[in-house]
Amino acid sequence: SLDQWVGTISLKELSEEFIIKKVSEGESRNTINISDLMTPKSSALCLDYEAFNTLSILQFVQSLKNHDTTHCVVAHKNELNGIISANHIAKRLKIDTHSIEHITFKYLFSLVSNT
């Protein structure tokens, strides 16, 4: 259920870049916890399944064009249903993402709107 969900973590947050940032803030590399790197529930993008289940992929991406996040949590009636990744959508649309380390919905929209 959504009550048990505490946050999300992706490869972006587990990257060396994020760890170096934490170390530069004074934390020891050996004491950094997953919770230090995760996006907390309060900051995560969470959409109700009913709000977008009839949208096309393009409409869905357009609806998230202002979100500089890599993932979107999907829930319905207080149940966690899944996570949508901007990178996964890009791959399904056969958009070349090899030169881009972390695809956000905002960036994905710019790619889709230019095609």
C-alpha atoms as a PDB file:
ATOM      1  CA  SER A   1       0.000   0.000   0.000  1.00  0.00           C
ATOM      2  CA  LEU A   2       1.030   3.635  -0.332  1.00  0.00           C
ATOM      3  CA  ASP A   3       1.310   3.858   3.447  1.00  0.00           C
ATOM      4  CA  GLN A   4       4.210   1.378   3.413  1.00  0.00           C
ATOM      5  CA  TRP A   5       6.038   2.996   0.478  1.00  0.00           C
ATOM      6  CA  VAL A   6       8.830   5.297   1.687  1.00  0.00           C
ATOM      7  CA  GLY A   7      10.458   6.428  -1.553  1.00  0.00           C
ATOM      8  CA  THR A   8      12.172   5.472  -4.775  1.00  0.00           C
ATOM      9  CA  ILE A   9      15.743   4.940  -5.813  1.00  0.00           C
ATOM     10  CA  SER A  10      17.127   4.574  -9.310  1.00  0.00           C
ATOM     11  CA  LEU A  11      20.511   4.150 -10.930  1.00  0.00           C
ATOM     12  CA  LYS A  12      20.726   7.943 -11.063  1.00  0.00           C
ATOM     13  CA  GLU A  13      20.679   8.162  -7.271  1.00  0.00           C
ATOM     14  CA  LEU A  14      23.085   5.230  -6.960  1.00  0.00           C
ATOM     15  CA  SER A  15      25.567   6.816  -9.368  1.00  0.00           C
ATOM     16  CA  GLU A  16      29.047   7.860  -8.346  1.00  0.00           C
ATOM     17  CA  GLU A  17      28.011  11.480  -8.932  1.00  0.00           C
ATOM     18  CA  PHE A  18      25.416  11.358  -6.153  1.00  0.00           C
ATOM     19  CA  ILE A  19      27.781   9.581  -3.769  1.00  0.00           C
ATOM     20  CA  ILE A  20      30.522  12.147  -4.419  1.00  0.00           C
ATOM     21  CA  LYS A  21      27.985  14.897  -3.687  1.00  0.00           C
ATOM     22  CA  LYS A  22      27.187  13.322  -0.308  1.00  0.00           C
ATOM     23  CA  VAL A  23      30.892  12.947   0.491  1.00  0.00           C
ATOM     24  CA  SER A  24      31.479  16.608  -0.426  1.00  0.00           C
ATOM     25  CA  GLU A  25      28.699  17.502   2.045  1.00  0.00           C
ATOM     26  CA  GLY A  26      30.779  15.899   4.793  1.00  0.00           C
ATOM     27  CA  GLU A  27      29.467  12.337   4.911  1.00  0.00           C
ATOM     28  CA  SER A  28      31.788   9.357   4.918  1.00  0.00           C
ATOM     29  CA  ARG A  29      31.372   7.064   1.916  1.00  0.00           C
ATOM     30  CA  ASN A  30      31.094   4.084   4.295  1.00  0.00           C
ATOM     31  CA  THR A  31      28.206   5.570   6.272  1.00  0.00           C
ATOM     32  CA  ILE A  32      25.947   6.633   3.382  1.00  0.00           C
ATOM     33  CA  ASN A  33      22.656   4.737   3.585  1.00  0.00           C
ATOM     34  CA  ILE A  34      20.160   3.985   0.827  1.00  0.00           C
ATOM     35  CA  SER A  35      17.737   6.336   2.581  1.00  0.00           C
ATOM     36  CA  ASP A  36      20.319   9.128   2.140  1.00  0.00           C
ATOM     37  CA  LEU A  37      20.179   8.657  -1.636  1.00  0.00           C
ATOM     38  CA  MET A  38      16.520   7.842  -2.230  1.00  0.00           C
ATOM     39  CA  THR A  39      13.853  10.268  -3.364  1.00  0.00           C
ATOM     40  CA  PRO A  40      11.471  10.375  -0.395  1.00  0.00           C
ATOM     41  CA  LYS A  41       7.783   9.763  -0.877  1.00  0.00           C
ATOM     42  CA  SER A  42       7.066  13.428  -0.138  1.00  0.00           C
ATOM     43  CA  SER A  43       9.202  14.522  -3.128  1.00  0.00           C
ATOM     44  CA  ALA A  44       8.322  11.768  -5.587  1.00  0.00           C
ATOM     45  CA  LEU A  45       5.989  12.203  -8.520  1.00  0.00           C
ATOM     46  CA  CYS A  46       2.939  10.026  -7.901  1.00  0.00           C
ATOM     47  CA  LEU A  47      -0.042   9.797 -10.234  1.00  0.00           C
ATOM     48  CA  ASP A  48      -3.354   8.034  -9.869  1.00  0.00           C
ATOM     49  CA  TYR A  49      -3.769   5.348 -12.510  1.00  0.00           C
ATOM     50  CA  GLU A  50      -7.261   6.581 -13.365  1.00  0.00           C
ATOM     51  CA  ALA A  51      -5.869  10.023 -14.233  1.00  0.00           C
ATOM     52  CA  PHE A  52      -3.904   8.784 -17.230  1.00  0.00           C
ATOM     53  CA  ASN A  53      -4.910   5.214 -18.148  1.00  0.00           C
ATOM     54  CA  THR A  54      -6.676   6.365 -21.334  1.00  0.00           C
ATOM     55  CA  LEU A  55      -3.871   8.668 -22.524  1.00  0.00           C
ATOM     56  CA  SER A  56      -1.599   7.843 -25.430  1.00  0.00           C
ATOM     57  CA  ILE A  57       2.137   7.690 -24.696  1.00  0.00           C
ATOM     58  CA  LEU A  58       2.592  11.124 -26.290  1.00  0.00           C
ATOM     59  CA  GLN A  59      -0.223  12.597 -24.201  1.00  0.00           C
ATOM     60  CA  PHE A  60       1.261  11.030 -21.073  1.00  0.00           C
ATOM     61  CA  VAL A  61       4.724  12.471 -21.819  1.00  0.00           C
ATOM     62  CA  GLN A  62       3.154  15.866 -22.579  1.00  0.00           C
ATOM     63  CA  SER A  63       1.383  15.800 -19.220  1.00  0.00           C
ATOM     64  CA  LEU A  64       4.757  15.351 -17.482  1.00  0.00           C
ATOM     65  CA  LYS A  65       6.728  17.825 -19.627  1.00  0.00           C
ATOM     66  CA  ASN A  66       7.472  20.104 -16.653  1.00  0.00           C
ATOM     67  CA  HIS A  67       8.776  17.341 -14.389  1.00  0.00           C
ATOM     68  CA  ASP A  68      12.534  16.980 -14.169  1.00  0.00           C
ATOM     69  CA  THR A  69      12.295  13.506 -12.688  1.00  0.00           C
ATOM     70  CA  THR A  70      13.242  10.104 -14.073  1.00  0.00           C
ATOM     71  CA  HIS A  71      10.385   8.056 -12.601  1.00  0.00           C
ATOM     72  CA  CYS A  72       6.705   8.351 -11.848  1.00  0.00           C
ATOM     73  CA  VAL A  73       4.972   6.216  -9.244  1.00  0.00           C
ATOM     74  CA  VAL A  74       1.556   4.865 -10.223  1.00  0.00           C
ATOM     75  CA  ALA A  75      -1.104   4.264  -7.576  1.00  0.00           C
ATOM     76  CA  HIS A  76      -4.810   3.644  -7.381  1.00  0.00           C
ATOM     77  CA  LYS A  77      -7.072   3.618  -4.341  1.00  0.00           C
ATOM     78  CA  ASN A  78      -4.098   3.811  -1.956  1.00  0.00           C
ATOM     79  CA  GLU A  79      -2.384   0.828  -3.603  1.00  0.00           C
ATOM     80  CA  LEU A  80       1.011   1.115  -5.250  1.00  0.00           C
ATOM     81  CA  ASN A  81       0.632  -0.237  -8.786  1.00  0.00           C
ATOM     82  CA  GLY A  82       4.045   0.378 -10.310  1.00  0.00           C
ATOM     83  CA  ILE A  83       6.688   2.795 -11.495  1.00  0.00           C
ATOM     84  CA  ILE A  84       7.026   4.323 -14.953  1.00  0.00           C
ATOM     85  CA  SER A  85      10.524   5.182 -16.118  1.00  0.00           C
ATOM     86  CA  ALA A  86      11.154   7.958 -18.649  1.00  0.00           C
ATOM     87  CA  ASN A  87      14.088   5.918 -19.945  1.00  0.00           C
ATOM     88  CA  HIS A  88      11.884   2.864 -20.484  1.00  0.00           C
ATOM     89  CA  ILE A  89       9.365   4.939 -22.444  1.00  0.00           C
ATOM     90  CA  ALA A  90      12.200   6.328 -24.592  1.00  0.00           C
ATOM     91  CA  LYS A  91      13.429   2.798 -25.334  1.00  0.00           C
ATOM     92  CA  ARG A  92       9.904   1.610 -26.207  1.00  0.00           C
ATOM     93  CA  LEU A  93       9.617   4.572 -28.598  1.00  0.00           C
ATOM     94  CA  LYS A  94      12.981   3.523 -30.077  1.00  0.00           C
ATOM     95  CA  ILE A  95      14.631   6.817 -29.156  1.00  0.00           C
ATOM     96  CA  ASP A  96      18.422   6.546 -28.986  1.00  0.00           C
ATOM     97  CA  THR A  97      19.369   7.235 -25.364  1.00  0.00           C
ATOM     98  CA  HIS A  98      22.917   5.853 -25.333  1.00  0.00           C
ATOM     99  CA  SER A  99      24.550   9.281 -25.038  1.00  0.00           C
ATOM    100  CA  ILE A 100      22.249  10.373 -22.187  1.00  0.00           C
ATOM    101  CA  GLU A 101      22.891   9.028 -18.718  1.00  0.00           C
ATOM    102  CA  HIS A 102      19.574   9.863 -17.039  1.00  0.00           C
ATOM    103  CA  ILE A 103      16.394  10.575 -19.018  1.00  0.00           C
ATOM    104  CA  THR A 104      13.855  12.822 -17.298  1.00  0.00           C
ATOM    105  CA  PHE A 105      10.255  13.286 -18.398  1.00  0.00           C
ATOM    106  CA  LYS A 106      11.071  16.915 -19.207  1.00  0.00           C
ATOM    107  CA  TYR A 107      13.943  15.852 -21.465  1.00  0.00           C
ATOM    108  CA  LEU A 108      11.891  13.033 -22.979  1.00  0.00           C
ATOM    109  CA  PHE A 109       9.222  15.567 -23.925  1.00  0.00           C
ATOM    110  CA  SER A 110      11.836  17.687 -25.703  1.00  0.00           C
ATOM    111  CA  LEU A 111      12.960  14.605 -27.666  1.00  0.00           C
ATOM    112  CA  VAL A 112       9.420  13.551 -28.579  1.00  0.00           C
ATOM    113  CA  SER A 113       8.294  17.057 -29.538  1.00  0.00           C
ATOM    114  CA  ASN A 114      11.268  17.425 -31.915  1.00  0.00           C
ATOM    115  CA  THR A 115      10.400  14.311 -33.918  1.00  0.00           C
END
